[in-house]
Amino acid sequence: MRAVIQRVSEASVDIDGQTVGRIGRGLLILLGVCHQDTAADAQWLADKCANLRIFTDEEGKFNLSALQVAGEILVISQFTLYGDARKGRRPDFTEAAPPAVSEPLYEEFVRAIRLTGLKTETGRFGAMMQVRLVNDGPVTIIAERGGDGKAVGV
């Protein structure tokens, strides 16, 4: 499971011209799911995102998490995070899990984030979406947990 986490001052997602999710200060999380991912991976990664210390304290240091600053969360499913462009010019998406696997794990990730008590908004799984954000910093982090239960890239 792979997350691109962006610290934002605001973000929103539109579908067919209508805003379906909007947040203020917090995190925009783009989430990709691969074949080997499990509910445990979703829960682990949700905890990692909520507790990731990428908000600044009074000294300007990355010491605070979304939980500590009462940040808001916008989660967007994005299978293209598993696009492999090492060969040719067209990305290969064979590592991305099919919707029957990825949708329940995406929902488990969202559920785990909501259990933290943070305001959580989402897009719509599988929909064409327009995502708008103001990246604060900019700060962008990639976090990943493989289906083997091992953290990578964090």
N, C-alpha and C. Protein backbone atom coordinates (compact mmCIF):
# COMPACT_ATOMS: atom_id res chain seq x y z
N MET A 1 0.86 -1.16 0.00
CA MET A 1 0.00 0.00 0.00
C MET A 1 0.91 1.22 0.00
N ARG A 2 0.57 2.18 -0.82
CA ARG A 2 1.41 3.36 -1.01
C ARG A 2 0.58 4.62 -0.82
N ALA A 3 1.15 5.57 -0.07
CA ALA A 3 0.48 6.85 0.15
C ALA A 3 1.42 7.99 -0.19
N VAL A 4 0.91 8.92 -0.96
CA VAL A 4 1.59 10.19 -1.17
C VAL A 4 0.86 11.18 -0.27
N ILE A 5 1.59 11.72 0.70
CA ILE A 5 1.01 12.55 1.75
C ILE A 5 1.47 13.98 1.53
N GLN A 6 0.53 14.88 1.34
CA GLN A 6 0.87 16.28 1.14
C GLN A 6 0.27 17.11 2.26
N ARG A 7 1.13 17.91 2.90
CA ARG A 7 0.64 18.84 3.92
C ARG A 7 0.03 20.01 3.16
N VAL A 8 -1.23 20.31 3.48
CA VAL A 8 -1.95 21.33 2.73
C VAL A 8 -2.55 22.39 3.66
N SER A 9 -2.74 23.58 3.11
CA SER A 9 -3.50 24.58 3.85
C SER A 9 -4.97 24.47 3.48
N GLU A 10 -5.25 23.84 2.32
CA GLU A 10 -6.61 23.51 1.92
C GLU A 10 -6.55 22.55 0.74
N ALA A 11 -7.61 21.77 0.57
CA ALA A 11 -7.71 20.85 -0.56
C ALA A 11 -9.18 20.51 -0.78
N SER A 12 -9.50 20.16 -2.02
CA SER A 12 -10.87 19.75 -2.33
C SER A 12 -10.84 18.78 -3.50
N VAL A 13 -11.95 18.06 -3.66
CA VAL A 13 -12.10 17.14 -4.77
C VAL A 13 -13.49 17.34 -5.37
N ASP A 14 -13.52 17.44 -6.69
CA ASP A 14 -14.76 17.62 -7.44
C ASP A 14 -15.00 16.40 -8.32
N ILE A 15 -16.27 16.04 -8.47
CA ILE A 15 -16.70 15.01 -9.41
C ILE A 15 -17.86 15.58 -10.19
N ASP A 16 -17.74 15.56 -11.51
CA ASP A 16 -18.78 16.10 -12.38
C ASP A 16 -19.17 17.53 -12.00
N GLY A 17 -18.17 18.35 -11.66
CA GLY A 17 -18.41 19.75 -11.35
C GLY A 17 -18.93 20.03 -9.96
N GLN A 18 -19.10 19.00 -9.13
CA GLN A 18 -19.60 19.19 -7.77
C GLN A 18 -18.52 18.82 -6.77
N THR A 19 -18.34 19.67 -5.77
CA THR A 19 -17.38 19.39 -4.72
C THR A 19 -17.94 18.31 -3.80
N VAL A 20 -17.19 17.21 -3.66
CA VAL A 20 -17.64 16.10 -2.81
C VAL A 20 -16.81 15.99 -1.54
N GLY A 21 -15.69 16.69 -1.47
CA GLY A 21 -14.86 16.69 -0.27
C GLY A 21 -14.03 17.95 -0.22
N ARG A 22 -13.92 18.54 0.97
CA ARG A 22 -13.15 19.77 1.13
C ARG A 22 -12.57 19.79 2.54
N ILE A 23 -11.30 20.16 2.64
CA ILE A 23 -10.67 20.30 3.95
C ILE A 23 -9.89 21.60 4.03
N GLY A 24 -9.63 22.00 5.26
CA GLY A 24 -8.72 23.11 5.53
C GLY A 24 -7.34 22.54 5.82
N ARG A 25 -6.66 23.11 6.78
CA ARG A 25 -5.30 22.69 7.12
C ARG A 25 -5.26 21.21 7.49
N GLY A 26 -4.37 20.49 6.84
CA GLY A 26 -4.27 19.07 7.14
C GLY A 26 -3.46 18.33 6.11
N LEU A 27 -3.94 17.14 5.75
CA LEU A 27 -3.23 16.26 4.83
C LEU A 27 -4.12 15.81 3.68
N LEU A 28 -3.59 15.91 2.48
CA LEU A 28 -4.18 15.27 1.31
C LEU A 28 -3.41 13.96 1.14
N ILE A 29 -4.11 12.84 1.15
CA ILE A 29 -3.47 11.53 1.03
C ILE A 29 -3.97 10.87 -0.24
N LEU A 30 -3.06 10.64 -1.18
CA LEU A 30 -3.36 9.86 -2.37
C LEU A 30 -2.97 8.43 -2.05
N LEU A 31 -3.89 7.48 -2.21
CA LEU A 31 -3.68 6.12 -1.74
C LEU A 31 -3.78 5.11 -2.87
N GLY A 32 -2.73 4.30 -3.00
CA GLY A 32 -2.72 3.21 -3.97
C GLY A 32 -2.63 1.87 -3.26
N VAL A 33 -3.27 0.86 -3.84
CA VAL A 33 -3.31 -0.47 -3.25
C VAL A 33 -2.75 -1.47 -4.26
N CYS A 34 -1.88 -2.38 -3.77
CA CYS A 34 -1.37 -3.43 -4.65
C CYS A 34 -1.96 -4.78 -4.26
N HIS A 35 -1.68 -5.79 -5.06
CA HIS A 35 -2.29 -7.13 -4.91
C HIS A 35 -2.07 -7.75 -3.54
N GLN A 36 -0.90 -7.56 -2.95
CA GLN A 36 -0.55 -8.25 -1.71
C GLN A 36 -1.04 -7.54 -0.46
N ASP A 37 -1.62 -6.36 -0.58
CA ASP A 37 -2.00 -5.58 0.60
C ASP A 37 -3.12 -6.24 1.40
N THR A 38 -3.12 -5.94 2.70
CA THR A 38 -4.09 -6.52 3.63
C THR A 38 -4.73 -5.41 4.46
N ALA A 39 -5.75 -5.77 5.22
CA ALA A 39 -6.38 -4.82 6.14
C ALA A 39 -5.37 -4.33 7.17
N ALA A 40 -4.46 -5.20 7.60
CA ALA A 40 -3.43 -4.79 8.56
C ALA A 40 -2.53 -3.71 7.96
N ASP A 41 -2.23 -3.83 6.66
CA ASP A 41 -1.43 -2.80 5.99
C ASP A 41 -2.17 -1.46 5.97
N ALA A 42 -3.47 -1.52 5.69
CA ALA A 42 -4.29 -0.30 5.67
C ALA A 42 -4.31 0.38 7.03
N GLN A 43 -4.48 -0.41 8.08
CA GLN A 43 -4.51 0.14 9.43
C GLN A 43 -3.15 0.71 9.83
N TRP A 44 -2.08 0.01 9.50
CA TRP A 44 -0.73 0.48 9.82
C TRP A 44 -0.45 1.81 9.12
N LEU A 45 -0.78 1.88 7.81
CA LEU A 45 -0.49 3.08 7.04
C LEU A 45 -1.36 4.25 7.49
N ALA A 46 -2.60 4.00 7.87
CA ALA A 46 -3.47 5.07 8.39
C ALA A 46 -2.88 5.64 9.67
N ASP A 47 -2.41 4.77 10.55
CA ASP A 47 -1.77 5.21 11.79
C ASP A 47 -0.51 6.03 11.49
N LYS A 48 0.27 5.56 10.53
CA LYS A 48 1.50 6.27 10.13
C LYS A 48 1.15 7.67 9.65
N CYS A 49 0.14 7.79 8.80
CA CYS A 49 -0.25 9.10 8.25
C CYS A 49 -0.74 10.04 9.35
N ALA A 50 -1.60 9.55 10.22
CA ALA A 50 -2.17 10.40 11.27
C ALA A 50 -1.11 10.86 12.26
N ASN A 51 -0.08 10.06 12.45
CA ASN A 51 0.95 10.37 13.45
C ASN A 51 2.25 10.91 12.86
N LEU A 52 2.31 11.05 11.55
CA LEU A 52 3.52 11.54 10.89
C LEU A 52 3.77 12.99 11.31
N ARG A 53 4.94 13.26 11.84
CA ARG A 53 5.26 14.59 12.37
C ARG A 53 5.80 15.48 11.25
N ILE A 54 4.88 16.10 10.51
CA ILE A 54 5.27 16.99 9.42
C ILE A 54 4.66 18.38 9.54
N PHE A 55 4.10 18.67 10.71
CA PHE A 55 3.63 20.03 11.00
C PHE A 55 4.64 20.67 11.94
N THR A 56 4.82 21.97 11.78
CA THR A 56 5.86 22.65 12.55
C THR A 56 5.37 23.08 13.92
N ASP A 57 6.30 23.04 14.86
CA ASP A 57 6.04 23.54 16.21
C ASP A 57 6.39 25.02 16.25
N GLU A 58 6.38 25.61 17.46
CA GLU A 58 6.65 27.05 17.60
C GLU A 58 8.07 27.42 17.20
N GLU A 59 8.96 26.44 17.09
CA GLU A 59 10.34 26.70 16.67
C GLU A 59 10.55 26.41 15.18
N GLY A 60 9.48 26.06 14.48
CA GLY A 60 9.58 25.80 13.06
C GLY A 60 10.09 24.41 12.71
N LYS A 61 10.13 23.50 13.68
CA LYS A 61 10.62 22.14 13.45
C LYS A 61 9.46 21.18 13.23
N PHE A 62 9.69 20.17 12.41
CA PHE A 62 8.69 19.14 12.16
C PHE A 62 8.55 18.27 13.40
N ASN A 63 7.70 18.67 14.31
CA ASN A 63 7.52 17.93 15.56
C ASN A 63 6.08 17.57 15.85
N LEU A 64 5.14 18.02 15.01
CA LEU A 64 3.72 17.82 15.31
C LEU A 64 3.04 17.00 14.21
N SER A 65 2.11 16.19 14.64
CA SER A 65 1.35 15.35 13.69
C SER A 65 -0.01 16.00 13.40
N ALA A 66 -0.71 15.42 12.44
CA ALA A 66 -2.07 15.88 12.15
C ALA A 66 -2.95 15.75 13.39
N LEU A 67 -2.74 14.69 14.16
CA LEU A 67 -3.51 14.51 15.40
C LEU A 67 -3.25 15.65 16.37
N GLN A 68 -2.01 16.08 16.48
CA GLN A 68 -1.65 17.12 17.44
C GLN A 68 -2.11 18.51 17.03
N VAL A 69 -2.30 18.73 15.73
CA VAL A 69 -2.74 20.06 15.27
C VAL A 69 -4.22 20.04 14.87
N ALA A 70 -4.91 18.93 15.13
CA ALA A 70 -6.31 18.76 14.73
C ALA A 70 -6.47 19.02 13.23
N GLY A 71 -5.55 18.44 12.46
CA GLY A 71 -5.60 18.58 11.01
C GLY A 71 -6.78 17.84 10.42
N GLU A 72 -7.13 18.21 9.23
CA GLU A 72 -8.20 17.55 8.50
C GLU A 72 -7.57 16.67 7.43
N ILE A 73 -8.27 15.64 7.00
CA ILE A 73 -7.72 14.65 6.07
C ILE A 73 -8.64 14.52 4.86
N LEU A 74 -8.03 14.53 3.66
CA LEU A 74 -8.73 14.22 2.42
C LEU A 74 -8.03 13.03 1.79
N VAL A 75 -8.76 11.91 1.64
CA VAL A 75 -8.19 10.68 1.09
C VAL A 75 -8.76 10.45 -0.29
N ILE A 76 -7.86 10.24 -1.26
CA ILE A 76 -8.23 10.02 -2.65
C ILE A 76 -7.63 8.70 -3.11
N SER A 77 -8.44 7.80 -3.64
CA SER A 77 -7.91 6.55 -4.20
C SER A 77 -7.21 6.88 -5.51
N GLN A 78 -6.03 6.25 -5.71
CA GLN A 78 -5.27 6.54 -6.92
C GLN A 78 -4.43 5.33 -7.33
N PHE A 79 -5.02 4.49 -8.18
CA PHE A 79 -4.32 3.28 -8.61
C PHE A 79 -3.05 3.61 -9.39
N THR A 80 -2.97 4.81 -9.98
CA THR A 80 -1.80 5.16 -10.79
C THR A 80 -0.53 5.27 -9.96
N LEU A 81 -0.64 5.27 -8.63
CA LEU A 81 0.57 5.27 -7.80
C LEU A 81 1.37 3.99 -8.01
N TYR A 82 0.75 2.96 -8.55
CA TYR A 82 1.46 1.73 -8.86
C TYR A 82 1.79 1.61 -10.34
N GLY A 83 1.79 2.71 -11.04
CA GLY A 83 2.21 2.72 -12.44
C GLY A 83 3.72 2.53 -12.52
N ASP A 84 4.16 1.62 -13.36
CA ASP A 84 5.57 1.34 -13.55
C ASP A 84 5.96 1.85 -14.94
N ALA A 85 6.79 2.89 -14.98
CA ALA A 85 7.18 3.51 -16.24
C ALA A 85 8.64 3.23 -16.58
N ARG A 86 9.20 2.17 -16.01
CA ARG A 86 10.61 1.87 -16.28
C ARG A 86 10.84 1.42 -17.71
N LYS A 87 9.85 0.80 -18.33
CA LYS A 87 9.99 0.32 -19.71
C LYS A 87 8.98 1.02 -20.59
N GLY A 88 9.40 1.37 -21.79
CA GLY A 88 8.49 1.98 -22.76
C GLY A 88 8.01 3.35 -22.33
N ARG A 89 6.93 3.77 -22.95
CA ARG A 89 6.38 5.10 -22.70
C ARG A 89 5.00 5.08 -22.08
N ARG A 90 4.41 3.89 -21.99
CA ARG A 90 3.10 3.76 -21.37
C ARG A 90 3.28 3.03 -20.04
N PRO A 91 2.81 3.63 -18.93
CA PRO A 91 2.96 2.95 -17.64
C PRO A 91 2.23 1.62 -17.61
N ASP A 92 2.81 0.70 -16.87
CA ASP A 92 2.22 -0.63 -16.66
C ASP A 92 1.59 -0.61 -15.27
N PHE A 93 0.32 -0.97 -15.17
CA PHE A 93 -0.40 -0.91 -13.90
C PHE A 93 -0.69 -2.28 -13.32
N THR A 94 0.08 -3.30 -13.70
CA THR A 94 -0.21 -4.65 -13.25
C THR A 94 0.00 -4.83 -11.75
N GLU A 95 0.78 -3.98 -11.10
CA GLU A 95 0.97 -4.08 -9.65
C GLU A 95 -0.21 -3.52 -8.87
N ALA A 96 -1.01 -2.68 -9.51
CA ALA A 96 -2.19 -2.12 -8.83
C ALA A 96 -3.25 -3.20 -8.68
N ALA A 97 -3.83 -3.27 -7.49
CA ALA A 97 -4.87 -4.26 -7.24
C ALA A 97 -6.14 -3.89 -8.01
N PRO A 98 -6.92 -4.90 -8.45
CA PRO A 98 -8.18 -4.61 -9.11
C PRO A 98 -9.18 -4.04 -8.09
N PRO A 99 -10.22 -3.37 -8.57
CA PRO A 99 -11.20 -2.75 -7.67
C PRO A 99 -11.79 -3.70 -6.62
N ALA A 100 -12.00 -4.95 -6.96
CA ALA A 100 -12.58 -5.89 -5.98
C ALA A 100 -11.68 -6.08 -4.77
N VAL A 101 -10.38 -5.89 -4.95
CA VAL A 101 -9.41 -5.99 -3.86
C VAL A 101 -9.15 -4.62 -3.24
N SER A 102 -8.95 -3.62 -4.09
CA SER A 102 -8.51 -2.32 -3.61
C SER A 102 -9.60 -1.49 -2.93
N GLU A 103 -10.83 -1.58 -3.39
CA GLU A 103 -11.88 -0.76 -2.78
C GLU A 103 -12.10 -1.09 -1.31
N PRO A 104 -12.21 -2.36 -0.92
CA PRO A 104 -12.38 -2.64 0.51
C PRO A 104 -11.17 -2.18 1.35
N LEU A 105 -9.97 -2.27 0.78
CA LEU A 105 -8.78 -1.84 1.53
C LEU A 105 -8.71 -0.32 1.62
N TYR A 106 -9.13 0.36 0.57
CA TYR A 106 -9.25 1.82 0.61
C TYR A 106 -10.25 2.22 1.70
N GLU A 107 -11.40 1.54 1.74
CA GLU A 107 -12.41 1.83 2.77
C GLU A 107 -11.89 1.53 4.17
N GLU A 108 -11.09 0.49 4.31
CA GLU A 108 -10.50 0.17 5.62
C GLU A 108 -9.52 1.26 6.04
N PHE A 109 -8.73 1.78 5.11
CA PHE A 109 -7.82 2.87 5.40
C PHE A 109 -8.60 4.10 5.87
N VAL A 110 -9.66 4.45 5.15
CA VAL A 110 -10.50 5.60 5.52
C VAL A 110 -11.12 5.39 6.90
N ARG A 111 -11.63 4.18 7.16
CA ARG A 111 -12.22 3.87 8.45
C ARG A 111 -11.19 4.05 9.57
N ALA A 112 -9.97 3.57 9.34
CA ALA A 112 -8.92 3.68 10.35
C ALA A 112 -8.54 5.13 10.60
N ILE A 113 -8.51 5.95 9.56
CA ILE A 113 -8.23 7.39 9.74
C ILE A 113 -9.37 8.02 10.55
N ARG A 114 -10.60 7.70 10.21
CA ARG A 114 -11.75 8.29 10.92
C ARG A 114 -11.76 7.90 12.40
N LEU A 115 -11.29 6.72 12.71
CA LEU A 115 -11.24 6.28 14.11
C LEU A 115 -10.30 7.15 14.96
N THR A 116 -9.40 7.88 14.33
CA THR A 116 -8.51 8.78 15.07
C THR A 116 -9.26 10.00 15.58
N GLY A 117 -10.46 10.25 15.02
CA GLY A 117 -11.23 11.43 15.40
C GLY A 117 -11.00 12.62 14.50
N LEU A 118 -10.06 12.52 13.55
CA LEU A 118 -9.81 13.63 12.64
C LEU A 118 -10.93 13.75 11.62
N LYS A 119 -11.30 14.99 11.29
CA LYS A 119 -12.27 15.20 10.21
C LYS A 119 -11.67 14.59 8.95
N THR A 120 -12.44 13.71 8.30
CA THR A 120 -11.94 12.99 7.13
C THR A 120 -12.96 13.09 6.01
N GLU A 121 -12.48 13.53 4.87
CA GLU A 121 -13.28 13.62 3.65
C GLU A 121 -12.67 12.67 2.62
N THR A 122 -13.44 12.31 1.61
CA THR A 122 -12.94 11.43 0.56
C THR A 122 -13.46 11.88 -0.80
N GLY A 123 -12.84 11.31 -1.81
CA GLY A 123 -13.39 11.39 -3.15
C GLY A 123 -14.36 10.24 -3.30
N ARG A 124 -14.50 9.73 -4.52
CA ARG A 124 -15.36 8.56 -4.76
C ARG A 124 -14.52 7.52 -5.47
N PHE A 125 -14.43 6.35 -4.90
CA PHE A 125 -13.59 5.30 -5.45
C PHE A 125 -13.95 5.04 -6.91
N GLY A 126 -12.94 5.03 -7.77
CA GLY A 126 -13.12 4.71 -9.18
C GLY A 126 -13.62 5.84 -10.06
N ALA A 127 -13.96 6.98 -9.47
CA ALA A 127 -14.50 8.09 -10.25
C ALA A 127 -13.37 8.93 -10.86
N MET A 128 -13.68 9.62 -11.92
CA MET A 128 -12.77 10.64 -12.46
C MET A 128 -12.94 11.86 -11.56
N MET A 129 -11.84 12.33 -10.99
CA MET A 129 -11.90 13.41 -10.00
C MET A 129 -10.94 14.52 -10.38
N GLN A 130 -11.30 15.73 -9.97
CA GLN A 130 -10.40 16.86 -10.07
C GLN A 130 -10.04 17.25 -8.64
N VAL A 131 -8.75 17.14 -8.34
CA VAL A 131 -8.26 17.41 -6.99
C VAL A 131 -7.53 18.74 -7.00
N ARG A 132 -7.91 19.61 -6.08
CA ARG A 132 -7.24 20.91 -5.94
C ARG A 132 -6.61 20.96 -4.56
N LEU A 133 -5.41 21.55 -4.51
CA LEU A 133 -4.74 21.66 -3.22
C LEU A 133 -3.81 22.85 -3.21
N VAL A 134 -3.58 23.33 -2.00
CA VAL A 134 -2.52 24.30 -1.77
C VAL A 134 -1.54 23.57 -0.86
N ASN A 135 -0.42 23.13 -1.45
CA ASN A 135 0.59 22.39 -0.72
C ASN A 135 1.32 23.37 0.18
N ASP A 136 1.30 23.11 1.46
CA ASP A 136 1.87 24.00 2.47
C ASP A 136 3.33 23.63 2.70
N GLY A 137 4.23 24.45 2.21
CA GLY A 137 5.65 24.21 2.42
C GLY A 137 6.48 24.47 1.18
N PRO A 138 6.41 23.66 0.16
CA PRO A 138 5.64 22.43 0.01
C PRO A 138 6.24 21.28 0.83
N VAL A 139 5.35 20.44 1.33
CA VAL A 139 5.75 19.23 2.05
C VAL A 139 5.01 18.05 1.42
N THR A 140 5.78 17.10 0.89
CA THR A 140 5.23 15.89 0.30
C THR A 140 6.08 14.71 0.74
N ILE A 141 5.44 13.69 1.29
CA ILE A 141 6.12 12.50 1.81
C ILE A 141 5.48 11.27 1.17
N ILE A 142 6.30 10.27 0.86
CA ILE A 142 5.78 9.00 0.37
C ILE A 142 5.95 7.97 1.47
N ALA A 143 4.88 7.28 1.82
CA ALA A 143 4.93 6.21 2.83
C ALA A 143 4.37 4.96 2.18
N GLU A 144 4.95 3.84 2.54
CA GLU A 144 4.55 2.60 1.90
C GLU A 144 4.68 1.45 2.88
N ARG A 145 3.76 0.51 2.76
CA ARG A 145 3.86 -0.73 3.52
C ARG A 145 3.51 -1.85 2.56
N GLY A 146 4.45 -2.74 2.38
CA GLY A 146 4.25 -3.84 1.45
C GLY A 146 3.35 -4.91 2.01
N GLY A 147 2.82 -5.75 1.14
CA GLY A 147 1.98 -6.86 1.54
C GLY A 147 2.68 -7.85 2.45
N ASP A 148 4.03 -7.74 2.50
CA ASP A 148 4.79 -8.62 3.40
C ASP A 148 4.86 -8.06 4.82
N GLY A 149 4.16 -6.92 5.05
CA GLY A 149 4.14 -6.33 6.40
C GLY A 149 5.32 -5.45 6.72
N LYS A 150 6.19 -5.22 5.77
CA LYS A 150 7.38 -4.41 6.02
C LYS A 150 7.18 -2.99 5.52
N ALA A 151 7.63 -2.04 6.34
CA ALA A 151 7.57 -0.64 5.94
C ALA A 151 8.71 -0.37 4.97
N VAL A 152 8.41 0.39 3.93
CA VAL A 152 9.43 0.80 2.97
C VAL A 152 9.22 2.26 2.66
N GLY A 153 10.29 2.98 2.42
CA GLY A 153 10.20 4.36 1.99
C GLY A 153 9.74 5.34 3.05
N VAL A 154 9.79 4.97 4.33
CA VAL A 154 9.40 5.91 5.37
C VAL A 154 10.50 6.02 6.40
